Structure formats: C-alpha cells, structure tokens
Amino acid sequence: MYTQDVTKLEFMILRNWNRANDWLNELNVGRAFDLGGLLESEVYQYREEKIEFLVNPDNEPLGDLNMLSMEAMEEFIHKTALALKELYTKWNVYEDLRSNEGTAQMRL
C-alpha cells in the first residue's frame, strides 16, 4: 500500500506541479556517480527504468491515496530540501560545483 501511494504521488507531482516534467528532462541528462555502494552504471540503469516508468501514464495506480497525503509529501520535500541546502553549504558542495563548472568551461 505504501509503495502504491508513493507511486501515485509521483504521478500527481508530475501532473500538478509547475516544471515537474522539466525535472525529468534534467534528470535524464544529468551525470551519474557511484553512490552508496551503487556503481555509476547502476545509477544510469535505474534512472532510465524510472523515467520510462514515469512517462507512461498507464503506470499510475488507480484509486485514491491510502496512507500518505500530498500535504505530507510536500512537507517532507520542503524539510529535506532545507536540510540538504544546509549540508551542501557546510560541505562546500556549491563551491565545488562552481569550481568544476569553471574547469569544464575551460576545457571547451
């Protein structure tokens, strides 16, 4: 039931949030890295499978949400985004991204 609700929420977000489909496009072209024991190739494979699943409206579960709500999901996303922003600032992720971007532009 939980997995069905999460899947339903994914489709609701794509359907109802501004620029949500743009996120899929950005995800599709983003670079993957080894992550938490997953190889870069596995991250790419999962991304491809997930995007293919989400662009097919026939994969959306029928019926209403059972355990979760859009409000609970929005609160989770907001809190997680704030926590990540704090951690990324603490870890200098933004500075590293800007440095790598500059290096990439120099190579062009």
N, C-alpha and C. Protein backbone atom coordinates (compact mmCIF):
# COMPACT_ATOMS: atom_id res chain seq x y z
N MET A 1 0.82 -1.19 0.00
CA MET A 1 0.00 0.00 0.00
C MET A 1 0.87 1.26 0.00
N TYR A 2 1.96 1.26 0.80
CA TYR A 2 2.85 2.42 0.86
C TYR A 2 3.48 2.68 -0.50
N THR A 3 4.00 1.62 -1.13
CA THR A 3 4.64 1.77 -2.44
C THR A 3 3.65 2.29 -3.47
N GLN A 4 2.42 1.81 -3.40
CA GLN A 4 1.39 2.28 -4.32
C GLN A 4 1.12 3.77 -4.11
N ASP A 5 1.07 4.20 -2.84
CA ASP A 5 0.86 5.62 -2.56
C ASP A 5 2.02 6.48 -3.06
N VAL A 6 3.25 6.02 -2.85
CA VAL A 6 4.41 6.78 -3.31
C VAL A 6 4.38 6.91 -4.83
N THR A 7 4.06 5.83 -5.51
CA THR A 7 3.97 5.87 -6.97
C THR A 7 2.86 6.82 -7.41
N LYS A 8 1.73 6.75 -6.75
CA LYS A 8 0.61 7.66 -7.06
C LYS A 8 1.03 9.11 -6.87
N LEU A 9 1.75 9.39 -5.78
CA LEU A 9 2.22 10.75 -5.51
C LEU A 9 3.20 11.23 -6.58
N GLU A 10 4.06 10.34 -7.05
CA GLU A 10 4.99 10.72 -8.13
C GLU A 10 4.22 11.20 -9.35
N PHE A 11 3.20 10.47 -9.72
CA PHE A 11 2.40 10.86 -10.89
C PHE A 11 1.61 12.15 -10.62
N MET A 12 1.11 12.31 -9.40
CA MET A 12 0.39 13.53 -9.05
C MET A 12 1.31 14.74 -9.13
N ILE A 13 2.53 14.60 -8.65
CA ILE A 13 3.51 15.69 -8.71
C ILE A 13 3.79 16.05 -10.16
N LEU A 14 4.04 15.04 -10.99
CA LEU A 14 4.33 15.31 -12.40
C LEU A 14 3.16 16.00 -13.09
N ARG A 15 1.96 15.65 -12.70
CA ARG A 15 0.77 16.21 -13.33
C ARG A 15 0.45 17.61 -12.82
N ASN A 16 0.71 17.88 -11.54
CA ASN A 16 0.18 19.09 -10.92
C ASN A 16 1.21 20.19 -10.60
N TRP A 17 2.48 19.87 -10.51
CA TRP A 17 3.47 20.87 -10.13
C TRP A 17 4.08 21.52 -11.35
N ASN A 18 4.23 22.84 -11.28
CA ASN A 18 4.88 23.58 -12.37
C ASN A 18 6.30 23.06 -12.55
N ARG A 19 6.69 22.89 -13.78
CA ARG A 19 8.03 22.48 -14.18
C ARG A 19 8.40 21.05 -13.75
N ALA A 20 7.49 20.28 -13.23
CA ALA A 20 7.81 18.93 -12.78
C ALA A 20 8.33 18.08 -13.93
N ASN A 21 7.75 18.20 -15.09
CA ASN A 21 8.24 17.43 -16.23
C ASN A 21 9.62 17.90 -16.67
N ASP A 22 9.93 19.18 -16.44
CA ASP A 22 11.28 19.68 -16.72
C ASP A 22 12.30 18.97 -15.82
N TRP A 23 11.89 18.60 -14.61
CA TRP A 23 12.79 17.87 -13.70
C TRP A 23 13.18 16.54 -14.31
N LEU A 24 12.22 15.88 -14.96
CA LEU A 24 12.54 14.61 -15.61
C LEU A 24 13.56 14.82 -16.73
N ASN A 25 13.40 15.90 -17.49
CA ASN A 25 14.36 16.19 -18.55
C ASN A 25 15.75 16.45 -17.97
N GLU A 26 15.80 17.21 -16.88
CA GLU A 26 17.09 17.48 -16.24
C GLU A 26 17.70 16.20 -15.67
N LEU A 27 16.87 15.38 -15.09
CA LEU A 27 17.35 14.10 -14.56
C LEU A 27 17.90 13.24 -15.69
N ASN A 28 17.26 13.27 -16.82
CA ASN A 28 17.65 12.44 -17.96
C ASN A 28 19.03 12.81 -18.49
N VAL A 29 19.41 14.07 -18.40
CA VAL A 29 20.71 14.49 -18.94
C VAL A 29 21.78 14.67 -17.86
N GLY A 30 21.38 14.55 -16.59
CA GLY A 30 22.34 14.72 -15.50
C GLY A 30 23.38 13.62 -15.47
N ARG A 31 24.54 13.94 -14.91
CA ARG A 31 25.63 12.98 -14.80
C ARG A 31 25.45 12.15 -13.54
N ALA A 32 25.68 10.86 -13.66
CA ALA A 32 25.58 9.95 -12.51
C ALA A 32 26.97 9.68 -11.95
N PHE A 33 27.01 9.30 -10.68
CA PHE A 33 28.25 8.96 -10.00
C PHE A 33 28.01 7.69 -9.19
N ASP A 34 29.10 7.02 -8.81
CA ASP A 34 28.97 5.93 -7.85
C ASP A 34 28.35 6.51 -6.59
N LEU A 35 27.39 5.81 -6.00
CA LEU A 35 26.66 6.38 -4.88
C LEU A 35 26.26 5.28 -3.91
N GLY A 36 26.73 5.37 -2.68
CA GLY A 36 26.29 4.47 -1.61
C GLY A 36 26.38 3.00 -1.96
N GLY A 37 27.46 2.61 -2.61
CA GLY A 37 27.62 1.21 -2.98
C GLY A 37 27.09 0.88 -4.36
N LEU A 38 26.37 1.80 -4.98
CA LEU A 38 25.89 1.59 -6.35
C LEU A 38 26.93 2.11 -7.32
N LEU A 39 27.13 1.37 -8.39
CA LEU A 39 28.05 1.80 -9.43
C LEU A 39 27.37 2.85 -10.30
N GLU A 40 28.17 3.68 -10.92
CA GLU A 40 27.66 4.70 -11.84
C GLU A 40 26.73 4.07 -12.88
N SER A 41 27.13 2.94 -13.42
CA SER A 41 26.31 2.27 -14.45
C SER A 41 24.96 1.83 -13.88
N GLU A 42 24.93 1.42 -12.62
CA GLU A 42 23.67 1.02 -11.99
C GLU A 42 22.76 2.22 -11.77
N VAL A 43 23.36 3.36 -11.44
CA VAL A 43 22.57 4.59 -11.26
C VAL A 43 21.95 4.99 -12.60
N TYR A 44 22.73 4.93 -13.68
CA TYR A 44 22.19 5.23 -15.02
C TYR A 44 21.06 4.26 -15.38
N GLN A 45 21.26 2.99 -15.10
CA GLN A 45 20.24 1.98 -15.43
C GLN A 45 18.95 2.24 -14.66
N TYR A 46 19.06 2.52 -13.36
CA TYR A 46 17.87 2.78 -12.55
C TYR A 46 17.17 4.04 -13.06
N ARG A 47 17.96 5.08 -13.38
CA ARG A 47 17.37 6.32 -13.88
C ARG A 47 16.57 6.07 -15.15
N GLU A 48 17.15 5.30 -16.07
CA GLU A 48 16.46 5.01 -17.33
C GLU A 48 15.15 4.26 -17.07
N GLU A 49 15.20 3.26 -16.20
CA GLU A 49 13.98 2.49 -15.89
C GLU A 49 12.93 3.37 -15.23
N LYS A 50 13.35 4.23 -14.31
CA LYS A 50 12.41 5.08 -13.58
C LYS A 50 11.75 6.09 -14.51
N ILE A 51 12.55 6.71 -15.38
CA ILE A 51 11.98 7.70 -16.31
C ILE A 51 11.01 7.03 -17.27
N GLU A 52 11.38 5.87 -17.80
CA GLU A 52 10.47 5.14 -18.69
C GLU A 52 9.16 4.82 -17.99
N PHE A 53 9.24 4.46 -16.72
CA PHE A 53 8.05 4.14 -15.94
C PHE A 53 7.18 5.38 -15.76
N LEU A 54 7.80 6.52 -15.40
CA LEU A 54 7.04 7.72 -15.09
C LEU A 54 6.44 8.42 -16.30
N VAL A 55 7.00 8.23 -17.48
CA VAL A 55 6.43 8.89 -18.66
C VAL A 55 5.25 8.12 -19.23
N ASN A 56 4.98 6.95 -18.69
CA ASN A 56 3.84 6.15 -19.16
C ASN A 56 2.68 6.31 -18.18
N PRO A 57 1.65 7.09 -18.53
CA PRO A 57 0.53 7.32 -17.61
C PRO A 57 -0.22 6.05 -17.22
N ASP A 58 -0.09 4.98 -18.01
CA ASP A 58 -0.75 3.72 -17.66
C ASP A 58 -0.16 3.10 -16.40
N ASN A 59 1.01 3.55 -15.97
CA ASN A 59 1.65 3.01 -14.76
C ASN A 59 1.12 3.64 -13.48
N GLU A 60 0.32 4.70 -13.60
CA GLU A 60 -0.21 5.34 -12.39
C GLU A 60 -1.24 4.44 -11.73
N PRO A 61 -1.06 4.19 -10.43
CA PRO A 61 -2.05 3.36 -9.72
C PRO A 61 -3.43 4.01 -9.74
N LEU A 62 -4.45 3.18 -9.86
CA LEU A 62 -5.82 3.67 -9.83
C LEU A 62 -6.24 3.89 -8.38
N GLY A 63 -7.24 4.69 -8.19
CA GLY A 63 -7.78 4.89 -6.85
C GLY A 63 -7.11 6.02 -6.10
N ASP A 64 -7.53 6.18 -4.86
CA ASP A 64 -7.06 7.26 -4.00
C ASP A 64 -5.86 6.83 -3.18
N LEU A 65 -5.22 7.82 -2.56
CA LEU A 65 -4.13 7.55 -1.63
C LEU A 65 -4.69 6.88 -0.38
N ASN A 66 -3.91 5.97 0.21
CA ASN A 66 -4.37 5.24 1.39
C ASN A 66 -3.66 5.64 2.67
N MET A 67 -2.34 5.76 2.60
CA MET A 67 -1.54 6.02 3.80
C MET A 67 -0.92 7.41 3.83
N LEU A 68 -0.62 7.94 2.68
CA LEU A 68 0.08 9.21 2.56
C LEU A 68 -0.85 10.28 2.02
N SER A 69 -0.39 11.53 2.10
CA SER A 69 -1.14 12.63 1.51
C SER A 69 -0.18 13.54 0.77
N MET A 70 -0.70 14.33 -0.14
CA MET A 70 0.12 15.28 -0.85
C MET A 70 0.71 16.28 0.13
N GLU A 71 -0.04 16.66 1.14
CA GLU A 71 0.45 17.61 2.15
C GLU A 71 1.65 17.04 2.90
N ALA A 72 1.57 15.78 3.29
CA ALA A 72 2.69 15.14 3.99
C ALA A 72 3.92 15.05 3.08
N MET A 73 3.70 14.75 1.81
CA MET A 73 4.81 14.66 0.87
C MET A 73 5.44 16.03 0.66
N GLU A 74 4.62 17.07 0.52
CA GLU A 74 5.15 18.42 0.33
C GLU A 74 5.97 18.86 1.54
N GLU A 75 5.50 18.54 2.74
CA GLU A 75 6.24 18.88 3.96
C GLU A 75 7.58 18.13 4.00
N PHE A 76 7.57 16.86 3.65
CA PHE A 76 8.80 16.06 3.60
C PHE A 76 9.79 16.66 2.60
N ILE A 77 9.31 17.01 1.42
CA ILE A 77 10.18 17.57 0.38
C ILE A 77 10.77 18.90 0.86
N HIS A 78 9.95 19.73 1.46
CA HIS A 78 10.42 21.04 1.94
C HIS A 78 11.49 20.87 3.02
N LYS A 79 11.21 20.04 4.02
CA LYS A 79 12.17 19.82 5.11
C LYS A 79 13.47 19.20 4.59
N THR A 80 13.36 18.25 3.68
CA THR A 80 14.54 17.59 3.14
C THR A 80 15.37 18.57 2.31
N ALA A 81 14.71 19.41 1.52
CA ALA A 81 15.43 20.39 0.71
C ALA A 81 16.19 21.37 1.60
N LEU A 82 15.57 21.83 2.69
CA LEU A 82 16.26 22.74 3.61
C LEU A 82 17.45 22.05 4.26
N ALA A 83 17.27 20.81 4.70
CA ALA A 83 18.36 20.08 5.34
C ALA A 83 19.51 19.86 4.36
N LEU A 84 19.20 19.51 3.11
CA LEU A 84 20.25 19.32 2.10
C LEU A 84 20.98 20.63 1.81
N LYS A 85 20.23 21.72 1.74
CA LYS A 85 20.85 23.02 1.48
C LYS A 85 21.86 23.34 2.58
N GLU A 86 21.49 23.09 3.83
CA GLU A 86 22.40 23.33 4.95
C GLU A 86 23.63 22.44 4.86
N LEU A 87 23.42 21.16 4.59
CA LEU A 87 24.55 20.23 4.48
C LEU A 87 25.44 20.59 3.30
N TYR A 88 24.85 20.90 2.16
CA TYR A 88 25.65 21.25 0.98
C TYR A 88 26.48 22.50 1.23
N THR A 89 25.92 23.46 1.97
CA THR A 89 26.68 24.65 2.31
C THR A 89 27.84 24.28 3.24
N LYS A 90 27.54 23.48 4.25
CA LYS A 90 28.57 23.04 5.21
C LYS A 90 29.68 22.26 4.51
N TRP A 91 29.32 21.44 3.55
CA TRP A 91 30.29 20.59 2.85
C TRP A 91 30.92 21.28 1.63
N ASN A 92 30.57 22.54 1.39
CA ASN A 92 31.10 23.31 0.26
C ASN A 92 30.74 22.71 -1.09
N VAL A 93 29.62 22.05 -1.17
CA VAL A 93 29.21 21.43 -2.43
C VAL A 93 28.99 22.48 -3.51
N TYR A 94 28.37 23.60 -3.13
CA TYR A 94 28.10 24.64 -4.13
C TYR A 94 29.40 25.20 -4.69
N GLU A 95 30.38 25.42 -3.82
CA GLU A 95 31.68 25.92 -4.28
C GLU A 95 32.36 24.91 -5.19
N ASP A 96 32.29 23.63 -4.82
CA ASP A 96 32.88 22.58 -5.64
C ASP A 96 32.21 22.52 -7.01
N LEU A 97 30.89 22.66 -7.05
CA LEU A 97 30.17 22.63 -8.32
C LEU A 97 30.59 23.81 -9.20
N ARG A 98 30.70 24.98 -8.58
CA ARG A 98 31.13 26.15 -9.36
C ARG A 98 32.56 25.96 -9.87
N SER A 99 33.43 25.38 -9.06
CA SER A 99 34.81 25.12 -9.48
C SER A 99 34.84 24.14 -10.64
N ASN A 100 34.07 23.06 -10.52
CA ASN A 100 34.03 22.05 -11.59
C ASN A 100 33.42 22.63 -12.86
N GLU A 101 32.43 23.50 -12.71
CA GLU A 101 31.80 24.13 -13.87
C GLU A 101 32.82 25.00 -14.60
N GLY A 102 33.60 25.75 -13.83
CA GLY A 102 34.63 26.57 -14.43
C GLY A 102 35.69 25.75 -15.13
N THR A 103 36.05 24.62 -14.53
CA THR A 103 37.03 23.73 -15.14
C THR A 103 36.47 23.15 -16.43
N ALA A 104 35.21 22.77 -16.42
CA ALA A 104 34.58 22.21 -17.62
C ALA A 104 34.53 23.25 -18.73
N GLN A 105 34.24 24.50 -18.38
CA GLN A 105 34.18 25.55 -19.39
C GLN A 105 35.56 25.83 -19.97
N MET A 106 36.61 25.71 -19.13
CA MET A 106 37.96 25.94 -19.63
C MET A 106 38.36 24.87 -20.65
N ARG A 107 37.85 23.64 -20.47
CA ARG A 107 38.17 22.55 -21.38
C ARG A 107 37.53 22.74 -22.74
N LEU A 108 36.40 23.47 -22.78
CA LEU A 108 35.70 23.68 -24.05
C LEU A 108 36.52 24.62 -24.85
